[in-house]
Amino acid sequence: MIDAAEKIVRYTAGMDKTAFLADEKTQHAVIRNLEIVREAARRILDEHPEFAARHGEVPWKKIYAMRNRLTHGYLEVNIDVVWETIGKSLPELQGHARQILGRDPGAEPSPEPK
């Protein structure tokens, strides 16, 4: 989750909305990493509910529900919402992650591959 958020920041560094909207490759890379963030939140909720409860300041369900805001119907992505997510929600998520890791190094659960 943290790695995916950091990739999004790297991919969009120095970009404004106009540049982002014109760069299809960056859009796809960002969307993929937002999917990873969302899936990580789902797995934390499903497989590590005690961790999610201990860190209730993180809006796990909101992160998981992000797909509903990003997409309109099947496979139609709202790029404006993606850009808004990068600017508003992602910094909040990164702040929560830093706080958790600062209090509890190694705290991010690593779900076992299935």
C-alpha atoms as a PDB file:
ATOM      1  CA  MET A   1       0.000   0.000   0.000  1.00  0.00           C
ATOM      2  CA  ILE A   2       2.765   2.412   0.959  1.00  0.00           C
ATOM      3  CA  ASP A   3       4.876   1.477  -2.063  1.00  0.00           C
ATOM      4  CA  ALA A   4       1.926   2.010  -4.412  1.00  0.00           C
ATOM      5  CA  ALA A   5       1.213   5.434  -2.908  1.00  0.00           C
ATOM      6  CA  GLU A   6       4.875   6.401  -3.247  1.00  0.00           C
ATOM      7  CA  LYS A   7       4.868   5.311  -6.904  1.00  0.00           C
ATOM      8  CA  ILE A   8       1.859   7.521  -7.593  1.00  0.00           C
ATOM      9  CA  VAL A   9       3.681  10.487  -6.062  1.00  0.00           C
ATOM     10  CA  ARG A  10       6.780   9.753  -8.173  1.00  0.00           C
ATOM     11  CA  TYR A  11       4.798   9.283 -11.374  1.00  0.00           C
ATOM     12  CA  THR A  12       2.972  12.599 -10.959  1.00  0.00           C
ATOM     13  CA  ALA A  13       5.804  14.710  -9.526  1.00  0.00           C
ATOM     14  CA  GLY A  14       5.947  18.076 -11.246  1.00  0.00           C
ATOM     15  CA  MET A  15       2.705  17.507 -13.154  1.00  0.00           C
ATOM     16  CA  ASP A  16      -0.290  19.760 -13.136  1.00  0.00           C
ATOM     17  CA  LYS A  17      -3.765  18.552 -14.030  1.00  0.00           C
ATOM     18  CA  THR A  18      -3.383  19.514 -17.701  1.00  0.00           C
ATOM     19  CA  ALA A  19      -0.180  17.488 -18.046  1.00  0.00           C
ATOM     20  CA  PHE A  20      -1.753  14.535 -16.232  1.00  0.00           C
ATOM     21  CA  LEU A  21      -4.829  14.592 -18.463  1.00  0.00           C
ATOM     22  CA  ALA A  22      -2.583  14.579 -21.534  1.00  0.00           C
ATOM     23  CA  ASP A  23      -0.396  11.681 -20.351  1.00  0.00           C
ATOM     24  CA  GLU A  24      -2.232   8.406 -20.855  1.00  0.00           C
ATOM     25  CA  LYS A  25       0.684   6.244 -19.668  1.00  0.00           C
ATOM     26  CA  THR A  26       0.887   8.073 -16.353  1.00  0.00           C
ATOM     27  CA  GLN A  27      -2.888   7.852 -15.972  1.00  0.00           C
ATOM     28  CA  HIS A  28      -2.781   4.085 -16.401  1.00  0.00           C
ATOM     29  CA  ALA A  29       0.158   3.696 -14.006  1.00  0.00           C
ATOM     30  CA  VAL A  30      -1.607   5.798 -11.377  1.00  0.00           C
ATOM     31  CA  ILE A  31      -4.906   3.949 -11.789  1.00  0.00           C
ATOM     32  CA  ARG A  32      -3.138   0.601 -11.402  1.00  0.00           C
ATOM     33  CA  ASN A  33      -1.461   1.742  -8.204  1.00  0.00           C
ATOM     34  CA  LEU A  34      -4.743   3.112  -6.841  1.00  0.00           C
ATOM     35  CA  GLU A  35      -6.172  -0.367  -7.472  1.00  0.00           C
ATOM     36  CA  ILE A  36      -3.292  -1.820  -5.439  1.00  0.00           C
ATOM     37  CA  VAL A  37      -3.988   0.618  -2.580  1.00  0.00           C
ATOM     38  CA  ARG A  38      -7.669  -0.318  -2.676  1.00  0.00           C
ATOM     39  CA  GLU A  39      -6.953  -4.048  -2.716  1.00  0.00           C
ATOM     40  CA  ALA A  40      -4.501  -3.690   0.180  1.00  0.00           C
ATOM     41  CA  ALA A  41      -7.196  -1.922   2.217  1.00  0.00           C
ATOM     42  CA  ARG A  42      -9.652  -4.729   1.425  1.00  0.00           C
ATOM     43  CA  ARG A  43      -7.158  -7.373   2.482  1.00  0.00           C
ATOM     44  CA  ILE A  44      -6.361  -5.543   5.702  1.00  0.00           C
ATOM     45  CA  LEU A  45     -10.075  -5.313   6.513  1.00  0.00           C
ATOM     46  CA  ASP A  46     -10.717  -8.960   5.617  1.00  0.00           C
ATOM     47  CA  GLU A  47      -7.545 -10.669   6.816  1.00  0.00           C
ATOM     48  CA  HIS A  48      -6.281  -8.365   9.580  1.00  0.00           C
ATOM     49  CA  PRO A  49      -9.370  -6.827  11.204  1.00  0.00           C
ATOM     50  CA  GLU A  50      -7.510  -6.402  14.497  1.00  0.00           C
ATOM     51  CA  PHE A  51      -4.902  -4.264  12.738  1.00  0.00           C
ATOM     52  CA  ALA A  52      -7.624  -2.181  11.067  1.00  0.00           C
ATOM     53  CA  ALA A  53      -9.352  -1.720  14.434  1.00  0.00           C
ATOM     54  CA  ARG A  54      -6.086  -0.721  16.135  1.00  0.00           C
ATOM     55  CA  HIS A  55      -5.569   1.894  13.453  1.00  0.00           C
ATOM     56  CA  GLY A  56      -9.085   3.241  13.192  1.00  0.00           C
ATOM     57  CA  GLU A  57      -7.813   6.673  12.158  1.00  0.00           C
ATOM     58  CA  VAL A  58      -7.255   5.221   8.681  1.00  0.00           C
ATOM     59  CA  PRO A  59     -10.460   5.297   6.615  1.00  0.00           C
ATOM     60  CA  TRP A  60     -10.093   1.653   5.487  1.00  0.00           C
ATOM     61  CA  LYS A  61     -13.661   1.341   4.191  1.00  0.00           C
ATOM     62  CA  LYS A  62     -13.409   4.665   2.370  1.00  0.00           C
ATOM     63  CA  ILE A  63     -10.206   3.510   0.668  1.00  0.00           C
ATOM     64  CA  TYR A  64     -11.834   0.218  -0.267  1.00  0.00           C
ATOM     65  CA  ALA A  65     -14.881   2.053  -1.651  1.00  0.00           C
ATOM     66  CA  MET A  66     -12.637   4.298  -3.745  1.00  0.00           C
ATOM     67  CA  ARG A  67     -13.407   2.242  -6.859  1.00  0.00           C
ATOM     68  CA  ASN A  68     -16.986   3.471  -6.800  1.00  0.00           C
ATOM     69  CA  ARG A  69     -15.781   7.086  -6.986  1.00  0.00           C
ATOM     70  CA  LEU A  70     -13.164   6.420  -9.640  1.00  0.00           C
ATOM     71  CA  THR A  71     -15.338   4.509 -12.066  1.00  0.00           C
ATOM     72  CA  HIS A  72     -18.643   5.146 -13.769  1.00  0.00           C
ATOM     73  CA  GLY A  73     -19.923   1.801 -14.855  1.00  0.00           C
ATOM     74  CA  TYR A  74     -17.780  -1.008 -16.128  1.00  0.00           C
ATOM     75  CA  LEU A  75     -14.230   0.090 -16.957  1.00  0.00           C
ATOM     76  CA  GLU A  76     -15.010   3.807 -17.364  1.00  0.00           C
ATOM     77  CA  VAL A  77     -12.585   5.742 -15.174  1.00  0.00           C
ATOM     78  CA  ASN A  78     -13.261   9.325 -14.133  1.00  0.00           C
ATOM     79  CA  ILE A  79      -9.806  10.876 -14.621  1.00  0.00           C
ATOM     80  CA  ASP A  80     -10.864  14.077 -12.837  1.00  0.00           C
ATOM     81  CA  VAL A  81     -11.621  12.035  -9.717  1.00  0.00           C
ATOM     82  CA  VAL A  82      -8.281  10.239 -10.078  1.00  0.00           C
ATOM     83  CA  TRP A  83      -6.495  13.612 -10.110  1.00  0.00           C
ATOM     84  CA  GLU A  84      -8.516  14.799  -7.102  1.00  0.00           C
ATOM     85  CA  THR A  85      -7.623  11.590  -5.245  1.00  0.00           C
ATOM     86  CA  ILE A  86      -3.924  12.153  -5.916  1.00  0.00           C
ATOM     87  CA  GLY A  87      -4.084  15.681  -4.539  1.00  0.00           C
ATOM     88  CA  LYS A  88      -6.374  15.182  -1.546  1.00  0.00           C
ATOM     89  CA  SER A  89      -6.772  11.584  -0.397  1.00  0.00           C
ATOM     90  CA  LEU A  90      -3.304  10.239  -1.148  1.00  0.00           C
ATOM     91  CA  PRO A  91      -1.435  12.703   1.111  1.00  0.00           C
ATOM     92  CA  GLU A  92      -3.873  11.855   3.919  1.00  0.00           C
ATOM     93  CA  LEU A  93      -3.231   8.137   3.442  1.00  0.00           C
ATOM     94  CA  GLN A  94       0.525   8.681   3.413  1.00  0.00           C
ATOM     95  CA  GLY A  95       0.263  10.685   6.640  1.00  0.00           C
ATOM     96  CA  HIS A  96      -1.657   7.870   8.328  1.00  0.00           C
ATOM     97  CA  ALA A  97       0.900   5.330   7.112  1.00  0.00           C
ATOM     98  CA  ARG A  98       3.794   7.391   8.488  1.00  0.00           C
ATOM     99  CA  GLN A  99       2.048   7.734  11.852  1.00  0.00           C
ATOM    100  CA  ILE A 100       1.381   4.002  12.065  1.00  0.00           C
ATOM    101  CA  LEU A 101       4.923   3.067  11.114  1.00  0.00           C
ATOM    102  CA  GLY A 102       6.319   5.697  13.471  1.00  0.00           C
ATOM    103  CA  ARG A 103       4.399   4.211  16.397  1.00  0.00           C
ATOM    104  CA  ASP A 104       4.726   0.602  15.376  1.00  0.00           C
ATOM    105  CA  PRO A 105       7.689  -0.085  13.016  1.00  0.00           C
ATOM    106  CA  GLY A 106       6.959  -3.064  10.809  1.00  0.00           C
ATOM    107  CA  ALA A 107       3.249  -2.583  11.478  1.00  0.00           C
ATOM    108  CA  GLU A 108       2.035  -2.875   7.917  1.00  0.00           C
ATOM    109  CA  PRO A 109       0.683  -6.404   7.629  1.00  0.00           C
ATOM    110  CA  SER A 110       1.988  -8.424   4.738  1.00  0.00           C
ATOM    111  CA  PRO A 111      -0.832 -10.765   3.777  1.00  0.00           C
ATOM    112  CA  GLU A 112       0.345 -14.190   2.745  1.00  0.00           C
ATOM    113  CA  PRO A 113       0.068 -14.851  -0.989  1.00  0.00           C
ATOM    114  CA  LYS A 114      -2.732 -17.215  -1.885  1.00  0.00           C
END
